Amino acid sequence: MTTDLELVNRVRTGEIQAFANLVERYERTVLAVVQAEVRDPEAAQDLTESTLLLAYRHLGKLPDGSQFGPWLLR
């Protein structure tokens, strides 16, 4: 299994598929956290997608790629 650090490093070099792998790994968790707060399935899905998009855009601010999961959930 590829680690978060490896995937983050691959994303940083331009490999978009590596981010898709991170999304597959964390999308359900993010959705569960959002659903616990929002309670509207459509809004929760939209917020989850927005969260993942923001994570992609701000990946350069992540100092330690091995901490992707905790960083994303913050």
C-alpha atoms as a PDB file:
ATOM      1  CA  MET A   1       0.000   0.000   0.000  1.00  0.00           C
ATOM      2  CA  THR A   2       1.285   3.405  -0.938  1.00  0.00           C
ATOM      3  CA  THR A   3       1.706   5.791   1.995  1.00  0.00           C
ATOM      4  CA  ASP A   4       0.153   9.243   2.208  1.00  0.00           C
ATOM      5  CA  LEU A   5       3.644  10.728   2.066  1.00  0.00           C
ATOM      6  CA  GLU A   6       4.398   8.949  -1.204  1.00  0.00           C
ATOM      7  CA  LEU A   7       1.080  10.041  -2.708  1.00  0.00           C
ATOM      8  CA  VAL A   8       1.505  13.658  -1.576  1.00  0.00           C
ATOM      9  CA  ASN A   9       5.006  13.755  -3.050  1.00  0.00           C
ATOM     10  CA  ARG A  10       3.681  12.374  -6.337  1.00  0.00           C
ATOM     11  CA  VAL A  11       0.905  14.990  -6.403  1.00  0.00           C
ATOM     12  CA  ARG A  12       3.481  17.701  -5.813  1.00  0.00           C
ATOM     13  CA  THR A  13       5.357  16.531  -8.903  1.00  0.00           C
ATOM     14  CA  GLY A  14       2.209  16.810 -11.008  1.00  0.00           C
ATOM     15  CA  GLU A  15       0.766  13.304 -10.853  1.00  0.00           C
ATOM     16  CA  ILE A  16      -2.974  13.958 -10.627  1.00  0.00           C
ATOM     17  CA  GLN A  17      -3.839  10.263 -10.249  1.00  0.00           C
ATOM     18  CA  ALA A  18      -2.004  10.272  -6.920  1.00  0.00           C
ATOM     19  CA  PHE A  19      -4.504  12.826  -5.615  1.00  0.00           C
ATOM     20  CA  ALA A  20      -7.351  10.661  -6.877  1.00  0.00           C
ATOM     21  CA  ASN A  21      -5.873   7.890  -4.727  1.00  0.00           C
ATOM     22  CA  LEU A  22      -5.885  10.192  -1.696  1.00  0.00           C
ATOM     23  CA  VAL A  23      -9.497  11.103  -2.422  1.00  0.00           C
ATOM     24  CA  GLU A  24     -10.448   7.421  -2.557  1.00  0.00           C
ATOM     25  CA  ARG A  25      -8.697   6.905   0.757  1.00  0.00           C
ATOM     26  CA  TYR A  26     -10.291   9.840   2.630  1.00  0.00           C
ATOM     27  CA  GLU A  27     -13.541  10.817   0.905  1.00  0.00           C
ATOM     28  CA  ARG A  28     -15.782   8.641   3.112  1.00  0.00           C
ATOM     29  CA  THR A  29     -14.154   9.909   6.286  1.00  0.00           C
ATOM     30  CA  VAL A  30     -14.521  13.546   5.269  1.00  0.00           C
ATOM     31  CA  LEU A  31     -18.126  12.915   4.265  1.00  0.00           C
ATOM     32  CA  ALA A  32     -18.894  11.298   7.633  1.00  0.00           C
ATOM     33  CA  VAL A  33     -17.426  14.256   9.516  1.00  0.00           C
ATOM     34  CA  VAL A  34     -19.348  16.744   7.392  1.00  0.00           C
ATOM     35  CA  GLN A  35     -22.614  14.793   7.637  1.00  0.00           C
ATOM     36  CA  ALA A  36     -22.362  14.806  11.424  1.00  0.00           C
ATOM     37  CA  GLU A  37     -22.395  18.594  11.301  1.00  0.00           C
ATOM     38  CA  VAL A  38     -24.641  19.378   8.348  1.00  0.00           C
ATOM     39  CA  ARG A  39     -27.313  16.645   8.375  1.00  0.00           C
ATOM     40  CA  ASP A  40     -28.265  17.473   4.776  1.00  0.00           C
ATOM     41  CA  PRO A  41     -26.944  14.782   2.393  1.00  0.00           C
ATOM     42  CA  GLU A  42     -26.679  17.051  -0.654  1.00  0.00           C
ATOM     43  CA  ALA A  43     -24.995  19.850   1.269  1.00  0.00           C
ATOM     44  CA  ALA A  44     -22.651  17.333   2.903  1.00  0.00           C
ATOM     45  CA  GLN A  45     -21.614  15.972  -0.485  1.00  0.00           C
ATOM     46  CA  ASP A  46     -21.026  19.491  -1.827  1.00  0.00           C
ATOM     47  CA  LEU A  47     -18.969  20.445   1.228  1.00  0.00           C
ATOM     48  CA  THR A  48     -16.951  17.247   0.970  1.00  0.00           C
ATOM     49  CA  GLU A  49     -16.101  17.990  -2.653  1.00  0.00           C
ATOM     50  CA  SER A  50     -15.189  21.570  -1.754  1.00  0.00           C
ATOM     51  CA  THR A  51     -12.992  20.365   1.094  1.00  0.00           C
ATOM     52  CA  LEU A  52     -11.113  17.970  -1.166  1.00  0.00           C
ATOM     53  CA  LEU A  53     -10.668  20.641  -3.836  1.00  0.00           C
ATOM     54  CA  LEU A  54      -9.296  23.075  -1.251  1.00  0.00           C
ATOM     55  CA  ALA A  55      -6.936  20.391   0.001  1.00  0.00           C
ATOM     56  CA  TYR A  56      -5.614  19.942  -3.527  1.00  0.00           C
ATOM     57  CA  ARG A  57      -5.140  23.671  -4.004  1.00  0.00           C
ATOM     58  CA  HIS A  58      -3.361  24.109  -0.673  1.00  0.00           C
ATOM     59  CA  LEU A  59      -1.288  20.940  -0.653  1.00  0.00           C
ATOM     60  CA  GLY A  60       1.851  23.062  -0.870  1.00  0.00           C
ATOM     61  CA  LYS A  61       1.125  24.386   2.628  1.00  0.00           C
ATOM     62  CA  LEU A  62       1.250  20.908   4.126  1.00  0.00           C
ATOM     63  CA  PRO A  63       4.656  20.686   5.810  1.00  0.00           C
ATOM     64  CA  ASP A  64       4.649  16.910   6.306  1.00  0.00           C
ATOM     65  CA  GLY A  65       2.958  14.802   3.645  1.00  0.00           C
ATOM     66  CA  SER A  66       2.670  11.866   6.018  1.00  0.00           C
ATOM     67  CA  GLN A  67       0.169  13.944   7.996  1.00  0.00           C
ATOM     68  CA  PHE A  68      -2.245  14.414   5.098  1.00  0.00           C
ATOM     69  CA  GLY A  69      -5.190  12.729   6.848  1.00  0.00           C
ATOM     70  CA  PRO A  70      -5.109  14.788  10.061  1.00  0.00           C
ATOM     71  CA  TRP A  71      -4.407  17.961   8.083  1.00  0.00           C
ATOM     72  CA  LEU A  72      -7.358  17.284   5.791  1.00  0.00           C
ATOM     73  CA  LEU A  73      -9.740  16.639   8.669  1.00  0.00           C
ATOM     74  CA  ARG A  74      -8.769  19.873  10.415  1.00  0.00           C
END
